[in-house]
Amino acid sequence: MIPQTQGQVVYLKPGQIMVSSEPVLVTTLLGSCVAVTLFNYRLRMGAICHAQLPGTGDLFDGLQDGPHGKYVDSAIRTMLERLLQRGALRGELEAKVFGGADMFDARGRLRSVGRQNSEMALRILAHESVRVAKQDLGGELGRKIIFHSHTGEVLLKRMRKTGGC
């Protein structure tokens, strides 16, 4: 059940980023993808991404208009940049990280895409000195999350079957 709010409800698709100081309920489905939320209590402003792959690698270094939301590393950095531009201070931000399930048979591979996504998210947040307040990562099943952009609260539901990206 989605709690009542005065704001709108938005479905976040893979590769998308949303930053808002208005009340918005953002819902998304995750499999091997990772959703990272950032929240600033002082400004009541939140951000969320739905990233599909761990990193941009060298291919997009230096480009201003690369695929910011598709990759975990650039999605987190883009959200940070947008929040800081709106007056947030780095030390005031709180992160929550979800997803990174092993949705496909990973035998023969050292690390699944889901695991790589999770590791990249935690590595970038640590490098950027952003505190991780909650994480729900890994496993074999997908997740549905609902992010409250004006409170930072995240509701989590684990799916019974594989689903999401």
N, C-alpha and C. Protein backbone atom coordinates (compact mmCIF):
# COMPACT_ATOMS: atom_id res chain seq x y z
N MET A 1 0.84 -1.19 0.00
CA MET A 1 0.00 0.00 0.00
C MET A 1 0.87 1.24 0.00
N ILE A 2 0.53 2.20 -0.83
CA ILE A 2 1.28 3.45 -0.89
C ILE A 2 0.63 4.45 0.05
N PRO A 3 1.42 5.02 0.97
CA PRO A 3 0.87 6.01 1.90
C PRO A 3 0.36 7.24 1.16
N GLN A 4 -0.61 7.90 1.78
CA GLN A 4 -1.15 9.13 1.20
C GLN A 4 -0.10 10.23 1.24
N THR A 5 -0.07 11.04 0.21
CA THR A 5 0.85 12.17 0.14
C THR A 5 0.20 13.27 -0.68
N GLN A 6 0.67 14.46 -0.51
CA GLN A 6 0.15 15.58 -1.30
C GLN A 6 0.86 15.67 -2.63
N GLY A 7 1.94 14.92 -2.80
CA GLY A 7 2.72 14.97 -4.02
C GLY A 7 2.26 13.95 -5.04
N GLN A 8 3.08 13.79 -6.04
CA GLN A 8 2.77 12.87 -7.12
C GLN A 8 3.49 11.54 -6.93
N VAL A 9 3.09 10.54 -7.72
CA VAL A 9 3.75 9.24 -7.73
C VAL A 9 4.44 9.10 -9.08
N VAL A 10 5.71 8.72 -9.05
CA VAL A 10 6.51 8.60 -10.26
C VAL A 10 7.11 7.21 -10.32
N TYR A 11 7.08 6.59 -11.51
CA TYR A 11 7.77 5.32 -11.71
C TYR A 11 9.12 5.64 -12.33
N LEU A 12 10.20 5.23 -11.65
CA LEU A 12 11.55 5.47 -12.13
C LEU A 12 12.01 4.29 -12.98
N LYS A 13 12.29 4.57 -14.24
CA LYS A 13 12.72 3.54 -15.17
C LYS A 13 14.23 3.35 -15.08
N PRO A 14 14.72 2.19 -15.55
CA PRO A 14 16.17 1.98 -15.57
C PRO A 14 16.89 3.10 -16.32
N GLY A 15 17.97 3.57 -15.73
CA GLY A 15 18.76 4.64 -16.34
C GLY A 15 18.32 6.04 -15.96
N GLN A 16 17.26 6.16 -15.17
CA GLN A 16 16.75 7.49 -14.81
C GLN A 16 17.25 7.94 -13.44
N ILE A 17 17.29 9.26 -13.27
CA ILE A 17 17.66 9.93 -12.03
C ILE A 17 16.56 10.94 -11.73
N MET A 18 16.18 11.09 -10.47
CA MET A 18 15.24 12.12 -10.07
C MET A 18 15.76 12.83 -8.83
N VAL A 19 15.71 14.16 -8.84
CA VAL A 19 16.07 14.98 -7.69
C VAL A 19 14.88 15.90 -7.44
N SER A 20 14.41 15.97 -6.19
CA SER A 20 13.24 16.79 -5.92
C SER A 20 13.24 17.33 -4.50
N SER A 21 12.78 18.56 -4.36
CA SER A 21 12.52 19.13 -3.04
C SER A 21 11.01 19.17 -2.79
N GLU A 22 10.23 18.68 -3.75
CA GLU A 22 8.78 18.57 -3.62
C GLU A 22 8.43 17.15 -3.18
N PRO A 23 7.30 16.99 -2.51
CA PRO A 23 6.89 15.63 -2.11
C PRO A 23 6.54 14.77 -3.34
N VAL A 24 7.34 13.73 -3.54
CA VAL A 24 7.12 12.79 -4.63
C VAL A 24 7.35 11.39 -4.08
N LEU A 25 6.47 10.46 -4.43
CA LEU A 25 6.71 9.05 -4.14
C LEU A 25 7.28 8.45 -5.41
N VAL A 26 8.49 7.92 -5.30
CA VAL A 26 9.16 7.34 -6.46
C VAL A 26 9.21 5.84 -6.25
N THR A 27 8.66 5.10 -7.20
CA THR A 27 8.66 3.64 -7.11
C THR A 27 9.47 3.07 -8.26
N THR A 28 10.12 1.95 -8.00
CA THR A 28 10.89 1.28 -9.04
C THR A 28 11.04 -0.19 -8.68
N LEU A 29 11.28 -1.00 -9.71
CA LEU A 29 11.52 -2.43 -9.54
C LEU A 29 12.98 -2.72 -9.84
N LEU A 30 13.61 -3.50 -8.98
CA LEU A 30 15.04 -3.79 -9.12
C LEU A 30 15.30 -5.28 -9.17
N GLY A 31 16.22 -5.66 -10.03
CA GLY A 31 16.78 -7.00 -10.05
C GLY A 31 18.26 -6.85 -9.80
N SER A 32 19.05 -6.99 -10.87
CA SER A 32 20.50 -6.78 -10.74
C SER A 32 20.86 -5.30 -10.70
N CYS A 33 19.92 -4.45 -11.11
CA CYS A 33 20.14 -3.00 -11.04
C CYS A 33 20.23 -2.54 -9.58
N VAL A 34 20.74 -1.34 -9.39
CA VAL A 34 20.88 -0.76 -8.07
C VAL A 34 20.17 0.59 -8.03
N ALA A 35 19.42 0.81 -6.96
CA ALA A 35 18.85 2.13 -6.69
C ALA A 35 19.60 2.71 -5.50
N VAL A 36 20.03 3.95 -5.65
CA VAL A 36 20.69 4.67 -4.56
C VAL A 36 19.83 5.90 -4.28
N THR A 37 19.47 6.09 -3.01
CA THR A 37 18.77 7.31 -2.63
C THR A 37 19.73 8.18 -1.82
N LEU A 38 19.62 9.46 -2.00
CA LEU A 38 20.36 10.45 -1.22
C LEU A 38 19.33 11.40 -0.63
N PHE A 39 19.52 11.77 0.64
CA PHE A 39 18.55 12.66 1.28
C PHE A 39 19.26 13.67 2.16
N ASN A 40 18.74 14.90 2.15
CA ASN A 40 19.24 15.98 2.98
C ASN A 40 18.09 16.42 3.89
N TYR A 41 18.23 16.17 5.20
CA TYR A 41 17.16 16.48 6.15
C TYR A 41 16.92 17.98 6.28
N ARG A 42 17.98 18.78 6.28
CA ARG A 42 17.82 20.22 6.45
C ARG A 42 16.99 20.83 5.33
N LEU A 43 17.25 20.43 4.11
CA LEU A 43 16.54 20.99 2.95
C LEU A 43 15.30 20.18 2.57
N ARG A 44 15.11 19.01 3.20
CA ARG A 44 14.00 18.12 2.84
C ARG A 44 14.02 17.84 1.35
N MET A 45 15.19 17.44 0.85
CA MET A 45 15.39 17.22 -0.57
C MET A 45 16.01 15.85 -0.78
N GLY A 46 15.46 15.14 -1.77
CA GLY A 46 15.96 13.80 -2.02
C GLY A 46 16.29 13.56 -3.48
N ALA A 47 17.05 12.50 -3.70
CA ALA A 47 17.43 12.09 -5.05
C ALA A 47 17.45 10.57 -5.09
N ILE A 48 17.17 10.02 -6.26
CA ILE A 48 17.20 8.58 -6.46
C ILE A 48 17.65 8.28 -7.88
N CYS A 49 18.39 7.19 -8.03
CA CYS A 49 18.77 6.71 -9.36
C CYS A 49 18.43 5.24 -9.47
N HIS A 50 18.28 4.78 -10.70
CA HIS A 50 18.07 3.36 -11.02
C HIS A 50 19.12 3.00 -12.05
N ALA A 51 20.28 2.56 -11.56
CA ALA A 51 21.44 2.33 -12.43
C ALA A 51 21.54 0.86 -12.82
N GLN A 52 21.94 0.62 -14.06
CA GLN A 52 21.94 -0.72 -14.64
C GLN A 52 23.29 -1.43 -14.64
N LEU A 53 24.36 -0.67 -14.78
CA LEU A 53 25.70 -1.24 -14.91
C LEU A 53 26.66 -0.52 -13.97
N PRO A 54 27.76 -1.18 -13.57
CA PRO A 54 28.63 -0.60 -12.54
C PRO A 54 29.31 0.71 -12.91
N GLY A 55 29.98 0.78 -14.04
CA GLY A 55 30.75 1.99 -14.31
C GLY A 55 30.83 2.35 -15.77
N THR A 56 31.09 3.62 -16.01
CA THR A 56 31.21 4.11 -17.38
C THR A 56 32.53 3.70 -18.00
N GLY A 57 33.54 3.42 -17.17
CA GLY A 57 34.86 3.09 -17.70
C GLY A 57 35.46 4.29 -18.40
N ASP A 58 36.45 4.05 -19.21
CA ASP A 58 37.15 5.15 -19.88
C ASP A 58 36.37 5.72 -21.04
N LEU A 59 35.36 5.00 -21.52
CA LEU A 59 34.62 5.42 -22.70
C LEU A 59 34.02 6.81 -22.56
N PHE A 60 33.52 7.15 -21.37
CA PHE A 60 32.82 8.41 -21.20
C PHE A 60 33.59 9.43 -20.38
N ASP A 61 34.85 9.16 -20.06
CA ASP A 61 35.63 10.13 -19.28
C ASP A 61 35.66 11.47 -19.99
N GLY A 62 35.34 12.52 -19.26
CA GLY A 62 35.44 13.87 -19.78
C GLY A 62 34.22 14.35 -20.53
N LEU A 63 33.28 13.48 -20.84
CA LEU A 63 32.09 13.92 -21.56
C LEU A 63 31.09 14.51 -20.57
N GLN A 64 30.46 15.59 -20.95
CA GLN A 64 29.50 16.25 -20.09
C GLN A 64 28.10 15.65 -20.22
N ASP A 65 27.80 15.05 -21.35
CA ASP A 65 26.45 14.58 -21.57
C ASP A 65 26.39 13.07 -21.79
N GLY A 66 27.21 12.33 -21.06
CA GLY A 66 27.20 10.88 -21.15
C GLY A 66 25.93 10.31 -20.54
N PRO A 67 25.82 9.01 -20.51
CA PRO A 67 24.62 8.34 -19.99
C PRO A 67 24.62 8.33 -18.46
N HIS A 68 24.36 9.48 -17.85
CA HIS A 68 24.54 9.66 -16.41
C HIS A 68 23.79 8.64 -15.56
N GLY A 69 22.57 8.29 -15.92
CA GLY A 69 21.77 7.42 -15.08
C GLY A 69 21.97 5.95 -15.29
N LYS A 70 22.55 5.56 -16.39
CA LYS A 70 22.69 4.13 -16.71
C LYS A 70 23.75 3.45 -15.85
N TYR A 71 24.78 4.18 -15.47
CA TYR A 71 25.92 3.62 -14.75
C TYR A 71 25.93 4.07 -13.30
N VAL A 72 26.21 3.15 -12.39
CA VAL A 72 26.19 3.43 -10.96
C VAL A 72 27.11 4.60 -10.61
N ASP A 73 28.36 4.58 -11.10
CA ASP A 73 29.31 5.62 -10.71
C ASP A 73 28.86 7.00 -11.16
N SER A 74 28.47 7.15 -12.42
CA SER A 74 28.09 8.48 -12.90
C SER A 74 26.73 8.91 -12.35
N ALA A 75 25.82 7.96 -12.09
CA ALA A 75 24.52 8.32 -11.53
C ALA A 75 24.67 8.92 -10.13
N ILE A 76 25.49 8.28 -9.30
CA ILE A 76 25.70 8.81 -7.94
C ILE A 76 26.37 10.18 -8.00
N ARG A 77 27.38 10.32 -8.83
CA ARG A 77 28.07 11.61 -8.93
C ARG A 77 27.16 12.70 -9.49
N THR A 78 26.28 12.35 -10.42
CA THR A 78 25.33 13.33 -10.97
C THR A 78 24.34 13.77 -9.90
N MET A 79 23.83 12.82 -9.10
CA MET A 79 22.91 13.19 -8.02
C MET A 79 23.60 14.10 -7.01
N LEU A 80 24.82 13.74 -6.63
CA LEU A 80 25.58 14.57 -5.68
C LEU A 80 25.75 15.99 -6.21
N GLU A 81 26.15 16.09 -7.46
CA GLU A 81 26.35 17.40 -8.07
C GLU A 81 25.07 18.23 -8.05
N ARG A 82 23.95 17.62 -8.39
CA ARG A 82 22.67 18.34 -8.41
C ARG A 82 22.23 18.77 -7.01
N LEU A 83 22.44 17.89 -6.02
CA LEU A 83 22.07 18.25 -4.65
C LEU A 83 22.97 19.37 -4.11
N LEU A 84 24.26 19.29 -4.38
CA LEU A 84 25.18 20.33 -3.92
C LEU A 84 24.88 21.66 -4.59
N GLN A 85 24.50 21.63 -5.86
CA GLN A 85 24.12 22.86 -6.58
C GLN A 85 22.88 23.51 -5.97
N ARG A 86 22.04 22.72 -5.33
CA ARG A 86 20.80 23.22 -4.73
C ARG A 86 20.97 23.57 -3.26
N GLY A 87 22.21 23.56 -2.76
CA GLY A 87 22.47 24.02 -1.41
C GLY A 87 22.75 22.95 -0.37
N ALA A 88 22.74 21.71 -0.75
CA ALA A 88 23.06 20.64 0.21
C ALA A 88 24.55 20.67 0.52
N LEU A 89 24.89 20.25 1.71
CA LEU A 89 26.28 20.10 2.10
C LEU A 89 26.59 18.60 2.16
N ARG A 90 27.74 18.22 1.66
CA ARG A 90 28.11 16.80 1.55
C ARG A 90 27.94 16.04 2.88
N GLY A 91 28.34 16.65 3.99
CA GLY A 91 28.25 16.00 5.29
C GLY A 91 26.83 15.81 5.79
N GLU A 92 25.86 16.47 5.16
CA GLU A 92 24.46 16.35 5.57
C GLU A 92 23.72 15.25 4.82
N LEU A 93 24.34 14.64 3.84
CA LEU A 93 23.65 13.66 3.00
C LEU A 93 23.68 12.27 3.60
N GLU A 94 22.58 11.57 3.42
CA GLU A 94 22.44 10.19 3.88
C GLU A 94 22.04 9.35 2.67
N ALA A 95 22.70 8.22 2.51
CA ALA A 95 22.43 7.33 1.38
C ALA A 95 21.77 6.04 1.85
N LYS A 96 20.95 5.48 0.94
CA LYS A 96 20.39 4.14 1.11
C LYS A 96 20.57 3.43 -0.22
N VAL A 97 20.93 2.15 -0.17
CA VAL A 97 21.29 1.42 -1.39
C VAL A 97 20.51 0.10 -1.44
N PHE A 98 19.91 -0.19 -2.59
CA PHE A 98 19.05 -1.36 -2.75
C PHE A 98 19.32 -2.05 -4.09
N GLY A 99 19.06 -3.36 -4.14
CA GLY A 99 19.13 -4.10 -5.39
C GLY A 99 20.35 -4.98 -5.47
N GLY A 100 20.88 -5.09 -6.70
CA GLY A 100 22.09 -5.88 -6.91
C GLY A 100 21.90 -7.37 -6.77
N ALA A 101 20.70 -7.85 -7.08
CA ALA A 101 20.43 -9.29 -6.97
C ALA A 101 21.16 -10.06 -8.06
N ASP A 102 21.41 -11.33 -7.79
CA ASP A 102 21.98 -12.24 -8.78
C ASP A 102 20.80 -12.87 -9.53
N MET A 103 20.33 -12.17 -10.55
CA MET A 103 19.11 -12.56 -11.25
C MET A 103 19.33 -13.70 -12.24
N PHE A 104 20.55 -13.87 -12.68
CA PHE A 104 20.84 -14.87 -13.70
C PHE A 104 21.90 -15.81 -13.18
N ASP A 105 22.02 -16.94 -13.79
CA ASP A 105 23.01 -17.93 -13.38
C ASP A 105 24.41 -17.33 -13.53
N ALA A 106 25.10 -17.15 -12.41
CA ALA A 106 26.41 -16.50 -12.41
C ALA A 106 27.56 -17.50 -12.41
N ARG A 107 27.25 -18.79 -12.56
CA ARG A 107 28.32 -19.79 -12.55
C ARG A 107 29.29 -19.52 -13.70
N GLY A 108 30.56 -19.67 -13.41
CA GLY A 108 31.58 -19.42 -14.43
C GLY A 108 32.06 -17.98 -14.43
N ARG A 109 31.34 -17.10 -13.72
CA ARG A 109 31.78 -15.71 -13.60
C ARG A 109 32.16 -15.46 -12.15
N LEU A 110 33.19 -14.67 -11.96
CA LEU A 110 33.63 -14.39 -10.60
C LEU A 110 32.61 -13.56 -9.84
N ARG A 111 32.08 -12.53 -10.48
CA ARG A 111 31.11 -11.65 -9.82
C ARG A 111 29.98 -11.34 -10.79
N SER A 112 28.76 -11.46 -10.33
CA SER A 112 27.61 -11.15 -11.16
C SER A 112 27.50 -9.64 -11.37
N VAL A 113 26.69 -9.25 -12.34
CA VAL A 113 26.44 -7.81 -12.57
C VAL A 113 25.84 -7.18 -11.33
N GLY A 114 24.91 -7.89 -10.68
CA GLY A 114 24.30 -7.36 -9.46
C GLY A 114 25.33 -7.08 -8.39
N ARG A 115 26.25 -8.00 -8.19
CA ARG A 115 27.30 -7.81 -7.19
C ARG A 115 28.22 -6.66 -7.58
N GLN A 116 28.57 -6.58 -8.85
CA GLN A 116 29.42 -5.48 -9.32
C GLN A 116 28.72 -4.13 -9.11
N ASN A 117 27.42 -4.08 -9.39
CA ASN A 117 26.66 -2.84 -9.17
C ASN A 117 26.69 -2.44 -7.70
N SER A 118 26.44 -3.42 -6.82
CA SER A 118 26.43 -3.15 -5.37
C SER A 118 27.79 -2.65 -4.89
N GLU A 119 28.84 -3.33 -5.31
CA GLU A 119 30.19 -2.96 -4.89
C GLU A 119 30.54 -1.56 -5.38
N MET A 120 30.17 -1.24 -6.62
CA MET A 120 30.47 0.08 -7.16
C MET A 120 29.74 1.16 -6.38
N ALA A 121 28.46 0.94 -6.06
CA ALA A 121 27.69 1.94 -5.32
C ALA A 121 28.34 2.22 -3.97
N LEU A 122 28.68 1.18 -3.24
CA LEU A 122 29.28 1.37 -1.92
C LEU A 122 30.66 2.02 -2.02
N ARG A 123 31.42 1.66 -3.05
CA ARG A 123 32.75 2.25 -3.25
C ARG A 123 32.65 3.74 -3.55
N ILE A 124 31.74 4.13 -4.45
CA ILE A 124 31.61 5.55 -4.82
C ILE A 124 31.11 6.36 -3.62
N LEU A 125 30.14 5.84 -2.89
CA LEU A 125 29.63 6.57 -1.72
C LEU A 125 30.73 6.76 -0.68
N ALA A 126 31.54 5.74 -0.44
CA ALA A 126 32.65 5.86 0.50
C ALA A 126 33.66 6.89 0.01
N HIS A 127 33.98 6.83 -1.28
CA HIS A 127 34.94 7.78 -1.86
C HIS A 127 34.43 9.22 -1.76
N GLU A 128 33.13 9.40 -1.89
CA GLU A 128 32.53 10.74 -1.83
C GLU A 128 32.17 11.15 -0.40
N SER A 129 32.52 10.31 0.58
CA SER A 129 32.27 10.57 2.01
C SER A 129 30.79 10.78 2.31
N VAL A 130 29.95 9.93 1.72
CA VAL A 130 28.51 9.96 1.99
C VAL A 130 28.19 8.74 2.86
N ARG A 131 27.56 8.99 3.98
CA ARG A 131 27.21 7.94 4.94
C ARG A 131 26.08 7.07 4.40
N VAL A 132 26.26 5.76 4.45
CA VAL A 132 25.23 4.82 4.05
C VAL A 132 24.44 4.44 5.30
N ALA A 133 23.17 4.87 5.36
CA ALA A 133 22.33 4.62 6.53
C ALA A 133 21.65 3.26 6.46
N LYS A 134 21.42 2.75 5.24
CA LYS A 134 20.73 1.47 5.08
C LYS A 134 21.13 0.86 3.76
N GLN A 135 21.24 -0.46 3.75
CA GLN A 135 21.48 -1.16 2.49
C GLN A 135 20.75 -2.49 2.52
N ASP A 136 20.21 -2.87 1.37
CA ASP A 136 19.58 -4.17 1.20
C ASP A 136 20.01 -4.64 -0.18
N LEU A 137 21.06 -5.45 -0.22
CA LEU A 137 21.73 -5.80 -1.47
C LEU A 137 21.87 -7.31 -1.62
N GLY A 138 21.97 -7.74 -2.88
CA GLY A 138 22.26 -9.14 -3.17
C GLY A 138 21.05 -10.04 -3.15
N GLY A 139 21.30 -11.30 -2.95
CA GLY A 139 20.24 -12.30 -2.98
C GLY A 139 19.90 -12.70 -4.41
N GLU A 140 18.81 -13.41 -4.56
CA GLU A 140 18.42 -13.91 -5.88
C GLU A 140 17.09 -13.36 -6.36
N LEU A 141 16.38 -12.62 -5.53
CA LEU A 141 15.07 -12.11 -5.91
C LEU A 141 15.07 -10.60 -6.07
N GLY A 142 14.16 -10.13 -6.90
CA GLY A 142 14.03 -8.70 -7.13
C GLY A 142 13.39 -7.99 -5.95
N ARG A 143 13.38 -6.67 -6.05
CA ARG A 143 12.82 -5.83 -5.00
C ARG A 143 11.97 -4.73 -5.64
N LYS A 144 10.96 -4.31 -4.90
CA LYS A 144 10.21 -3.10 -5.25
C LYS A 144 10.48 -2.11 -4.12
N ILE A 145 10.85 -0.89 -4.49
CA ILE A 145 11.03 0.13 -3.45
C ILE A 145 10.16 1.34 -3.76
N ILE A 146 9.80 2.04 -2.69
CA ILE A 146 9.08 3.30 -2.79
C ILE A 146 9.85 4.31 -1.96
N PHE A 147 10.34 5.35 -2.62
CA PHE A 147 11.15 6.39 -1.99
C PHE A 147 10.32 7.65 -1.79
N HIS A 148 10.32 8.18 -0.58
CA HIS A 148 9.63 9.43 -0.26
C HIS A 148 10.66 10.56 -0.37
N SER A 149 10.58 11.34 -1.42
CA SER A 149 11.60 12.37 -1.68
C SER A 149 11.65 13.45 -0.61
N HIS A 150 10.58 13.66 0.14
CA HIS A 150 10.52 14.74 1.12
C HIS A 150 10.82 14.29 2.55
N THR A 151 10.96 12.95 2.77
CA THR A 151 11.29 12.45 4.10
C THR A 151 12.53 11.55 4.11
N GLY A 152 12.90 11.04 2.94
CA GLY A 152 14.02 10.12 2.85
C GLY A 152 13.66 8.68 3.16
N GLU A 153 12.41 8.43 3.57
CA GLU A 153 11.98 7.08 3.90
C GLU A 153 11.92 6.21 2.64
N VAL A 154 12.32 4.95 2.78
CA VAL A 154 12.24 3.99 1.69
C VAL A 154 11.50 2.76 2.18
N LEU A 155 10.43 2.40 1.48
CA LEU A 155 9.69 1.17 1.77
C LEU A 155 10.19 0.10 0.81
N LEU A 156 10.42 -1.09 1.32
CA LEU A 156 10.99 -2.18 0.54
C LEU A 156 10.07 -3.39 0.56
N LYS A 157 9.88 -3.99 -0.61
CA LYS A 157 9.16 -5.25 -0.71
C LYS A 157 9.99 -6.19 -1.57
N ARG A 158 10.30 -7.35 -1.03
CA ARG A 158 11.02 -8.35 -1.82
C ARG A 158 10.01 -9.11 -2.66
N MET A 159 10.37 -9.35 -3.91
CA MET A 159 9.49 -10.01 -4.84
C MET A 159 9.57 -11.52 -4.63
N ARG A 160 8.49 -12.23 -4.91
CA ARG A 160 8.47 -13.69 -4.76
C ARG A 160 9.14 -14.39 -5.92
N LYS A 161 9.12 -13.75 -7.06
CA LYS A 161 9.76 -14.33 -8.25
C LYS A 161 10.75 -13.32 -8.79
N THR A 162 11.59 -13.78 -9.69
CA THR A 162 12.55 -12.86 -10.30
C THR A 162 11.78 -11.81 -11.08
N GLY A 163 12.30 -10.61 -11.09
CA GLY A 163 11.66 -9.51 -11.81
C GLY A 163 12.52 -8.29 -11.74
N GLY A 164 12.10 -7.26 -12.40
CA GLY A 164 12.89 -6.04 -12.44
C GLY A 164 14.04 -6.19 -13.42
N CYS A 165 14.94 -5.26 -13.39
CA CYS A 165 16.06 -5.32 -14.35
C CYS A 165 17.25 -6.00 -13.74
